[in-house]
Structures are given as C-alpha cells and as structure tokens.
C-alpha cells in the first residue's frame, strides 16, 4: 500500500479515538489531534520532522497545501494522489480496474467510517 516498506503513512483525524480503536494496518499510523485541529497537528508534525523534502501531505485544504509547500515538503490534492497511484500501477502493468479489496479489508474500512460518521 505504501509503495515501499521504507515509506511510512500517517493519517491524522480530528478529535479523540473511540474506546478500543485499533490500527487499520500495521503499516499505517493513525493519529488523533485531540485538543487541537487535525490541520494544526499536521503543521506541528511537519515542523518537527527532519527531511521535509521526503514528505508528501495529501489534503484538499488549500491552506495546508500552502503551508506544506512553504516548509519544503510536497502537497497533493486527493484526486492528484489517487491519480498518481493509478498511473504508477498502470506503468507497472497492473490493471487498476481489477484492483479489489478483500472482504476483511472492506469491513475494516467500513468500521472506521462508521466510528467516525455514525456516532
């Protein structure tokens, strides 16, 4: 999912985790911003990071994109990120129209969305 075992993925959500919240995947870190906004948490993580040129922040928020670029990291919109992933898959000879999640993966994603949106 991350393209390489050396790549780290961090997802930042607003607020606090629900009791018993678990990771989606062992390769993905999930951070809840708690008392500050997710945008502020992303800013703080970027400011504290070492090699900013190796960081890609995916967000459609123009203010976050501008901040990320100002700090020397790469900013991408969601559609751009998804499109670049499809392009990489096509270059590798994969048929992206046939990429599917397993039932277990779909359940995990649905459970996460239920926790966030159906409180």
N, C-alpha and C. Protein backbone atom coordinates (compact mmCIF):
# COMPACT_ATOMS: atom_id res chain seq x y z
N UNK A 1 0.81 -1.19 0.00
CA UNK A 1 0.00 0.00 0.00
C UNK A 1 0.85 1.26 0.00
N UNK A 2 2.02 1.25 0.65
CA UNK A 2 2.84 2.44 0.77
C UNK A 2 3.89 2.53 -0.33
N UNK A 3 3.92 1.58 -1.23
CA UNK A 3 4.87 1.62 -2.34
C UNK A 3 6.21 1.01 -1.99
N UNK A 4 6.61 1.08 -0.75
CA UNK A 4 7.88 0.53 -0.29
C UNK A 4 7.79 0.31 1.22
N UNK A 5 8.49 -0.68 1.68
CA UNK A 5 8.48 -0.94 3.13
C UNK A 5 9.17 0.18 3.90
N UNK A 6 9.93 1.02 3.22
CA UNK A 6 10.61 2.15 3.86
C UNK A 6 9.69 3.36 4.03
N UNK A 7 8.58 3.38 3.32
CA UNK A 7 7.65 4.50 3.40
C UNK A 7 6.73 4.35 4.60
N UNK A 8 6.46 5.47 5.27
CA UNK A 8 5.53 5.49 6.39
C UNK A 8 4.29 6.27 5.98
N UNK A 9 3.15 5.80 6.41
CA UNK A 9 1.89 6.51 6.17
C UNK A 9 1.32 6.88 7.53
N UNK A 10 0.95 8.15 7.66
CA UNK A 10 0.31 8.63 8.88
C UNK A 10 -0.99 9.32 8.49
N UNK A 11 -2.07 8.92 9.12
CA UNK A 11 -3.38 9.55 8.89
C UNK A 11 -3.72 10.34 10.15
N UNK A 12 -4.10 11.60 9.95
CA UNK A 12 -4.42 12.47 11.08
C UNK A 12 -5.92 12.77 11.06
N UNK A 13 -6.60 12.41 12.15
CA UNK A 13 -8.02 12.69 12.32
C UNK A 13 -8.21 13.75 13.40
N UNK A 14 -9.27 14.54 13.28
CA UNK A 14 -9.64 15.47 14.34
C UNK A 14 -10.16 14.69 15.54
N UNK A 15 -9.98 15.26 16.73
CA UNK A 15 -10.62 14.72 17.93
C UNK A 15 -9.86 13.61 18.61
N UNK A 16 -10.64 12.79 19.30
CA UNK A 16 -10.12 11.70 20.13
C UNK A 16 -10.56 10.35 19.56
N UNK A 17 -9.75 9.32 19.77
CA UNK A 17 -10.17 7.99 19.30
C UNK A 17 -11.29 7.44 20.18
N UNK A 18 -12.12 6.60 19.59
CA UNK A 18 -13.13 5.89 20.36
C UNK A 18 -12.44 4.83 21.20
N UNK A 19 -13.08 4.44 22.29
CA UNK A 19 -12.53 3.38 23.14
C UNK A 19 -12.36 2.12 22.31
N UNK A 20 -11.23 1.47 22.44
CA UNK A 20 -10.99 0.23 21.71
C UNK A 20 -10.60 0.44 20.26
N UNK A 21 -10.30 1.67 19.88
CA UNK A 21 -9.88 1.93 18.50
C UNK A 21 -8.62 1.14 18.19
N UNK A 22 -8.56 0.62 16.98
CA UNK A 22 -7.38 -0.15 16.59
C UNK A 22 -6.84 0.38 15.27
N UNK A 23 -5.64 -0.06 14.95
CA UNK A 23 -4.99 0.33 13.71
C UNK A 23 -5.70 -0.33 12.53
N UNK A 24 -5.74 0.36 11.39
CA UNK A 24 -6.28 -0.22 10.16
C UNK A 24 -5.31 -1.27 9.64
N UNK A 25 -4.04 -0.94 9.71
CA UNK A 25 -2.99 -1.76 9.12
C UNK A 25 -1.71 -1.47 9.89
N UNK A 26 -0.84 -2.43 10.03
CA UNK A 26 0.38 -2.22 10.80
C UNK A 26 1.32 -1.22 10.12
N UNK A 27 1.15 -0.97 8.82
CA UNK A 27 2.00 -0.02 8.10
C UNK A 27 1.46 1.40 8.16
N UNK A 28 0.31 1.60 8.78
CA UNK A 28 -0.33 2.91 8.81
C UNK A 28 -0.46 3.37 10.26
N UNK A 29 0.09 4.55 10.54
CA UNK A 29 -0.06 5.14 11.87
C UNK A 29 -1.28 6.06 11.84
N UNK A 30 -2.14 5.92 12.83
CA UNK A 30 -3.31 6.77 12.94
C UNK A 30 -3.11 7.67 14.16
N UNK A 31 -3.22 8.97 13.92
CA UNK A 31 -3.05 9.95 14.98
C UNK A 31 -4.34 10.75 15.10
N UNK A 32 -4.79 10.95 16.33
CA UNK A 32 -5.94 11.81 16.59
C UNK A 32 -5.41 13.11 17.17
N UNK A 33 -5.91 14.21 16.68
CA UNK A 33 -5.35 15.52 17.03
C UNK A 33 -5.70 15.97 18.45
N UNK A 34 -6.66 15.34 19.06
CA UNK A 34 -7.12 15.61 20.42
C UNK A 34 -7.61 17.05 20.57
N UNK A 35 -6.95 17.88 21.36
CA UNK A 35 -7.46 19.22 21.67
C UNK A 35 -7.22 20.24 20.56
N UNK A 36 -6.38 19.92 19.60
CA UNK A 36 -6.12 20.86 18.50
C UNK A 36 -6.75 20.30 17.22
N UNK A 37 -6.78 21.09 16.19
CA UNK A 37 -7.35 20.61 14.92
C UNK A 37 -6.37 19.68 14.22
N UNK A 38 -6.89 18.86 13.34
CA UNK A 38 -6.03 17.97 12.54
C UNK A 38 -5.06 18.81 11.72
N UNK A 39 -5.51 19.95 11.20
CA UNK A 39 -4.63 20.82 10.43
C UNK A 39 -3.46 21.29 11.27
N UNK A 40 -3.74 21.71 12.52
CA UNK A 40 -2.65 22.15 13.40
C UNK A 40 -1.71 21.00 13.73
N UNK A 41 -2.26 19.79 13.89
CA UNK A 41 -1.42 18.63 14.17
C UNK A 41 -0.51 18.33 12.98
N UNK A 42 -1.04 18.44 11.77
CA UNK A 42 -0.23 18.22 10.56
C UNK A 42 0.89 19.26 10.51
N UNK A 43 0.56 20.52 10.80
CA UNK A 43 1.58 21.58 10.81
C UNK A 43 2.68 21.25 11.82
N UNK A 44 2.28 20.84 13.02
CA UNK A 44 3.25 20.52 14.08
C UNK A 44 4.13 19.35 13.68
N UNK A 45 3.53 18.30 13.12
CA UNK A 45 4.31 17.14 12.67
C UNK A 45 5.33 17.54 11.61
N UNK A 46 4.91 18.40 10.69
CA UNK A 46 5.81 18.84 9.63
C UNK A 46 6.95 19.69 10.19
N UNK A 47 6.62 20.61 11.10
CA UNK A 47 7.65 21.45 11.70
C UNK A 47 8.69 20.62 12.45
N UNK A 48 8.26 19.52 13.08
CA UNK A 48 9.15 18.68 13.89
C UNK A 48 9.89 17.62 13.08
N UNK A 49 9.53 17.46 11.82
CA UNK A 49 10.13 16.40 11.02
C UNK A 49 11.51 16.81 10.52
N UNK A 50 12.30 15.81 10.20
CA UNK A 50 13.66 16.05 9.73
C UNK A 50 13.74 16.44 8.28
N UNK A 51 13.70 15.48 7.41
CA UNK A 51 13.91 15.71 5.98
C UNK A 51 12.58 15.99 5.28
N UNK A 52 12.21 17.24 5.24
CA UNK A 52 10.90 17.64 4.72
C UNK A 52 10.72 17.36 3.24
N UNK A 53 11.82 17.30 2.49
CA UNK A 53 11.68 17.06 1.04
C UNK A 53 11.18 15.64 0.75
N UNK A 54 11.24 14.75 1.72
CA UNK A 54 10.75 13.38 1.54
C UNK A 54 9.32 13.19 2.04
N UNK A 55 8.67 14.28 2.42
CA UNK A 55 7.32 14.19 2.97
C UNK A 55 6.31 14.62 1.92
N UNK A 56 5.22 13.85 1.83
CA UNK A 56 4.10 14.19 0.95
C UNK A 56 2.86 14.27 1.83
N UNK A 57 2.19 15.41 1.79
CA UNK A 57 0.95 15.60 2.54
C UNK A 57 -0.20 15.62 1.54
N UNK A 58 -1.19 14.77 1.77
CA UNK A 58 -2.34 14.67 0.89
C UNK A 58 -3.53 15.34 1.58
N UNK A 59 -3.98 16.44 1.00
CA UNK A 59 -5.11 17.18 1.55
C UNK A 59 -5.67 18.09 0.46
N UNK A 60 -6.97 18.29 0.49
CA UNK A 60 -7.59 19.25 -0.43
C UNK A 60 -7.68 20.64 0.19
N UNK A 61 -7.23 20.78 1.42
CA UNK A 61 -7.26 22.06 2.11
C UNK A 61 -6.14 22.95 1.57
N UNK A 62 -6.51 24.03 0.91
CA UNK A 62 -5.54 24.93 0.26
C UNK A 62 -4.57 25.53 1.28
N UNK A 63 -5.05 25.88 2.45
CA UNK A 63 -4.19 26.46 3.48
C UNK A 63 -3.10 25.46 3.90
N UNK A 64 -3.47 24.22 4.09
CA UNK A 64 -2.49 23.18 4.45
C UNK A 64 -1.52 22.98 3.30
N UNK A 65 -2.01 22.93 2.07
CA UNK A 65 -1.13 22.75 0.92
C UNK A 65 -0.09 23.87 0.85
N UNK A 66 -0.52 25.11 1.07
CA UNK A 66 0.41 26.24 1.03
C UNK A 66 1.45 26.14 2.14
N UNK A 67 1.00 25.77 3.34
CA UNK A 67 1.92 25.61 4.47
C UNK A 67 2.95 24.53 4.18
N UNK A 68 2.50 23.40 3.65
CA UNK A 68 3.39 22.28 3.34
C UNK A 68 4.46 22.70 2.33
N UNK A 69 4.03 23.39 1.30
CA UNK A 69 4.98 23.85 0.27
C UNK A 69 5.97 24.86 0.85
N UNK A 70 5.49 25.73 1.73
CA UNK A 70 6.36 26.73 2.36
C UNK A 70 7.48 26.05 3.16
N UNK A 71 7.17 24.90 3.75
CA UNK A 71 8.15 24.17 4.54
C UNK A 71 9.03 23.23 3.70
N UNK A 72 8.84 23.22 2.39
CA UNK A 72 9.71 22.43 1.52
C UNK A 72 9.27 21.00 1.30
N UNK A 73 8.07 20.65 1.75
CA UNK A 73 7.53 19.31 1.51
C UNK A 73 6.64 19.37 0.27
N UNK A 74 6.11 18.22 -0.12
CA UNK A 74 5.23 18.14 -1.28
C UNK A 74 3.78 18.07 -0.82
N UNK A 75 2.93 18.85 -1.47
CA UNK A 75 1.49 18.82 -1.18
C UNK A 75 0.76 18.30 -2.41
N UNK A 76 -0.21 17.43 -2.18
CA UNK A 76 -1.04 16.89 -3.27
C UNK A 76 -2.49 16.92 -2.84
N UNK A 77 -3.36 17.19 -3.80
CA UNK A 77 -4.78 17.03 -3.55
C UNK A 77 -5.12 15.55 -3.59
N UNK A 78 -6.27 15.21 -3.08
CA UNK A 78 -6.67 13.80 -3.01
C UNK A 78 -6.79 13.19 -4.40
N UNK A 79 -7.44 13.89 -5.31
CA UNK A 79 -7.60 13.36 -6.67
C UNK A 79 -6.24 13.17 -7.35
N UNK A 80 -5.35 14.12 -7.14
CA UNK A 80 -4.00 14.01 -7.71
C UNK A 80 -3.28 12.78 -7.16
N UNK A 81 -3.41 12.57 -5.85
CA UNK A 81 -2.76 11.44 -5.20
C UNK A 81 -3.31 10.12 -5.72
N UNK A 82 -4.62 10.02 -5.80
CA UNK A 82 -5.25 8.80 -6.30
C UNK A 82 -4.87 8.58 -7.75
N UNK A 83 -4.88 9.65 -8.54
CA UNK A 83 -4.50 9.55 -9.95
C UNK A 83 -3.06 9.12 -10.13
N UNK A 84 -2.15 9.63 -9.29
CA UNK A 84 -0.74 9.25 -9.42
C UNK A 84 -0.55 7.79 -9.03
N UNK A 85 -1.35 7.31 -8.07
CA UNK A 85 -1.28 5.90 -7.68
C UNK A 85 -1.74 5.01 -8.83
N UNK A 86 -2.81 5.43 -9.51
CA UNK A 86 -3.30 4.67 -10.66
C UNK A 86 -2.26 4.67 -11.79
N UNK A 87 -1.63 5.82 -12.00
CA UNK A 87 -0.60 5.91 -13.06
C UNK A 87 0.56 4.98 -12.76
N UNK A 88 1.00 4.94 -11.49
CA UNK A 88 2.11 4.04 -11.12
C UNK A 88 1.71 2.59 -11.35
N UNK A 89 0.48 2.24 -11.00
CA UNK A 89 0.01 0.87 -11.19
C UNK A 89 -0.04 0.52 -12.67
N UNK A 90 -0.49 1.46 -13.49
CA UNK A 90 -0.57 1.20 -14.92
C UNK A 90 0.82 1.06 -15.53
N UNK A 91 1.78 1.87 -15.06
CA UNK A 91 3.15 1.76 -15.55
C UNK A 91 3.74 0.40 -15.17
N UNK A 92 3.33 -0.11 -14.02
CA UNK A 92 3.85 -1.40 -13.56
C UNK A 92 3.13 -2.56 -14.24
N UNK A 93 2.17 -2.25 -15.11
CA UNK A 93 1.46 -3.29 -15.85
C UNK A 93 0.25 -3.84 -15.14
N UNK A 94 -0.15 -3.23 -14.03
CA UNK A 94 -1.33 -3.69 -13.32
C UNK A 94 -2.58 -3.12 -13.97
N UNK A 95 -3.63 -3.88 -13.97
CA UNK A 95 -4.91 -3.39 -14.45
C UNK A 95 -5.67 -2.85 -13.24
N UNK A 96 -5.66 -1.50 -13.07
CA UNK A 96 -6.25 -0.90 -11.89
C UNK A 96 -7.75 -1.11 -11.80
N UNK A 97 -8.40 -1.38 -12.90
CA UNK A 97 -9.84 -1.63 -12.84
C UNK A 97 -10.14 -2.95 -12.13
N UNK A 98 -9.14 -3.80 -12.01
CA UNK A 98 -9.33 -5.10 -11.36
C UNK A 98 -8.82 -5.13 -9.92
N UNK A 99 -8.27 -3.99 -9.41
CA UNK A 99 -7.79 -3.96 -8.04
C UNK A 99 -8.99 -3.96 -7.10
N UNK A 100 -9.02 -4.90 -6.19
CA UNK A 100 -10.15 -5.02 -5.28
C UNK A 100 -9.65 -5.26 -3.86
N UNK A 101 -10.45 -4.80 -2.90
CA UNK A 101 -10.17 -5.07 -1.51
C UNK A 101 -10.75 -6.43 -1.14
N UNK A 102 -10.12 -7.08 -0.19
CA UNK A 102 -10.69 -8.31 0.33
C UNK A 102 -11.89 -7.95 1.20
N UNK A 103 -12.70 -8.92 1.51
CA UNK A 103 -13.87 -8.69 2.35
C UNK A 103 -13.43 -8.14 3.71
N UNK A 104 -12.38 -8.70 4.28
CA UNK A 104 -11.87 -8.25 5.58
C UNK A 104 -11.41 -6.80 5.52
N UNK A 105 -10.71 -6.44 4.44
CA UNK A 105 -10.25 -5.05 4.29
C UNK A 105 -11.44 -4.10 4.16
N UNK A 106 -12.46 -4.50 3.39
CA UNK A 106 -13.65 -3.66 3.25
C UNK A 106 -14.34 -3.47 4.60
N UNK A 107 -14.42 -4.54 5.39
CA UNK A 107 -15.05 -4.46 6.71
C UNK A 107 -14.29 -3.49 7.61
N UNK A 108 -12.96 -3.56 7.59
CA UNK A 108 -12.15 -2.66 8.41
C UNK A 108 -12.38 -1.21 8.02
N UNK A 109 -12.39 -0.94 6.74
CA UNK A 109 -12.62 0.43 6.26
C UNK A 109 -14.02 0.89 6.65
N UNK A 110 -15.02 0.05 6.43
CA UNK A 110 -16.39 0.41 6.80
C UNK A 110 -16.53 0.65 8.30
N UNK A 111 -15.89 -0.17 9.10
CA UNK A 111 -15.94 0.01 10.56
C UNK A 111 -15.34 1.35 10.96
N UNK A 112 -14.22 1.72 10.35
CA UNK A 112 -13.59 3.01 10.66
C UNK A 112 -14.51 4.17 10.29
N UNK A 113 -15.14 4.10 9.12
CA UNK A 113 -16.06 5.15 8.71
C UNK A 113 -17.28 5.21 9.63
N UNK A 114 -17.80 4.06 10.04
CA UNK A 114 -18.94 4.05 10.97
C UNK A 114 -18.58 4.76 12.26
N UNK A 115 -17.37 4.48 12.79
CA UNK A 115 -16.94 5.10 14.03
C UNK A 115 -16.88 6.61 13.88
N UNK A 116 -16.41 7.07 12.74
CA UNK A 116 -16.22 8.50 12.54
C UNK A 116 -17.52 9.24 12.24
N UNK A 117 -18.39 8.64 11.45
CA UNK A 117 -19.53 9.38 10.93
C UNK A 117 -20.86 9.00 11.54
N UNK A 118 -20.96 7.87 12.18
CA UNK A 118 -22.25 7.44 12.71
C UNK A 118 -22.26 7.43 14.24
N UNK A 119 -21.62 8.40 14.81
CA UNK A 119 -21.54 8.47 16.28
C UNK A 119 -22.87 8.83 16.87
